Amino acid sequence: MSGITRAVAIGLLSVAGVLAPVANAAPQQCDQTVGNSVDAYLKRHPDVKSTLAHRGQQEDPGAPDPVLSYLQRHPDVRQALITLSQKCV
């Protein structure tokens, strides 16, 4: 397995690990902004928020908001979180 293929595989596994607890989440109301829906989602799922914060602190120890920092560096995780947080009833 080449280095690039291995890096992609590891990246996909880490994304799956972060979002695994998110997959069975309750649907969200439809009348929220993206920021509000993500914030509400993370409040309802403190384990996901904790995982993202931990990873953000590892990658950028000085970040004032490690969750936001992590999501800014990982657009695939950010988009998956946005999609899940905006599922409507």
Protein backbone atom coordinates (compact mmCIF):
# COMPACT_ATOMS: atom_id res chain seq x y z
CA MET A 1 0.00 0.00 0.00
CA SER A 2 1.50 3.33 -1.02
CA GLY A 3 1.99 6.14 1.48
CA ILE A 4 -0.76 8.23 -0.10
CA THR A 5 -3.25 5.35 -0.13
CA ARG A 6 -2.43 4.59 3.50
CA ALA A 7 -2.89 8.26 4.47
CA VAL A 8 -6.27 8.40 2.72
CA ALA A 9 -7.38 5.16 4.39
CA ILE A 10 -6.32 6.43 7.82
CA GLY A 11 -8.10 9.73 7.18
CA LEU A 12 -11.34 8.00 6.23
CA LEU A 13 -11.17 5.77 9.30
CA SER A 14 -10.64 8.77 11.57
CA VAL A 15 -13.64 10.58 10.05
CA ALA A 16 -15.77 7.47 10.53
CA GLY A 17 -14.58 7.22 14.13
CA VAL A 18 -15.54 10.81 14.87
CA LEU A 19 -18.96 10.60 13.29
CA ALA A 20 -19.94 7.05 14.28
CA PRO A 21 -21.83 8.21 17.41
CA VAL A 22 -23.50 10.87 15.28
CA ALA A 23 -25.10 8.53 12.76
CA ASN A 24 -28.09 7.52 14.91
CA ALA A 25 -28.94 11.02 16.06
CA ALA A 26 -32.44 12.38 16.40
CA PRO A 27 -33.57 14.67 13.56
CA GLN A 28 -33.29 18.42 14.03
CA GLN A 29 -35.81 21.20 13.44
CA CYS A 30 -35.64 22.75 9.98
CA ASP A 31 -35.75 26.42 10.91
CA GLN A 32 -32.19 26.89 12.20
CA THR A 33 -29.09 28.41 10.69
CA VAL A 34 -26.11 26.15 10.05
CA GLY A 35 -24.25 27.54 13.05
CA ASN A 36 -27.23 27.11 15.35
CA SER A 37 -27.96 23.57 14.18
CA VAL A 38 -24.32 22.46 14.62
CA ASP A 39 -24.13 24.12 18.04
CA ALA A 40 -27.40 22.48 19.16
CA TYR A 41 -26.22 19.14 17.82
CA LEU A 42 -22.93 19.31 19.71
CA LYS A 43 -24.78 20.26 22.90
CA ARG A 44 -26.97 17.17 22.51
CA HIS A 45 -23.92 15.00 21.77
CA PRO A 46 -21.18 15.97 24.24
CA ASP A 47 -19.19 12.84 23.36
CA VAL A 48 -18.83 14.04 19.75
CA LYS A 49 -17.93 17.54 20.91
CA SER A 50 -15.34 16.11 23.31
CA THR A 51 -13.78 13.97 20.57
CA LEU A 52 -13.57 16.93 18.18
CA ALA A 53 -12.12 19.15 20.94
CA HIS A 54 -9.50 16.54 21.82
CA ARG A 55 -8.43 16.17 18.20
CA GLY A 56 -8.41 19.93 17.73
CA GLN A 57 -6.18 20.39 20.79
CA GLN A 58 -3.79 17.74 19.50
CA GLU A 59 -3.48 19.42 16.10
CA ASP A 60 -3.45 23.03 17.33
CA PRO A 61 -2.72 23.23 21.08
CA GLY A 62 -3.08 27.03 21.17
CA ALA A 63 -6.45 27.24 19.44
CA PRO A 64 -9.02 29.30 21.39
CA ASP A 65 -11.81 27.00 20.11
CA PRO A 66 -10.34 23.56 19.35
CA VAL A 67 -13.61 22.20 17.90
CA LEU A 68 -13.89 25.05 15.40
CA SER A 69 -10.19 24.78 14.64
CA TYR A 70 -10.54 21.06 13.90
CA LEU A 71 -13.60 21.57 11.71
CA GLN A 72 -11.86 24.32 9.74
CA ARG A 73 -8.94 21.99 8.97
CA HIS A 74 -11.19 19.03 8.11
CA PRO A 75 -13.91 20.16 5.69
CA ASP A 76 -15.13 16.59 5.13
CA VAL A 77 -15.88 16.19 8.84
CA ARG A 78 -17.40 19.69 8.96
CA GLN A 79 -19.72 18.93 6.03
CA ALA A 80 -20.80 15.60 7.51
CA LEU A 81 -21.57 17.32 10.82
CA ILE A 82 -23.54 20.07 9.05
CA THR A 83 -25.53 17.50 7.07
CA LEU A 84 -26.37 15.47 10.17
CA SER A 85 -27.20 18.51 12.26
CA GLN A 86 -29.69 19.77 9.69
CA LYS A 87 -31.72 16.62 9.24
CA CYS A 88 -35.34 17.64 9.60
CA VAL A 89 -38.18 15.91 11.42
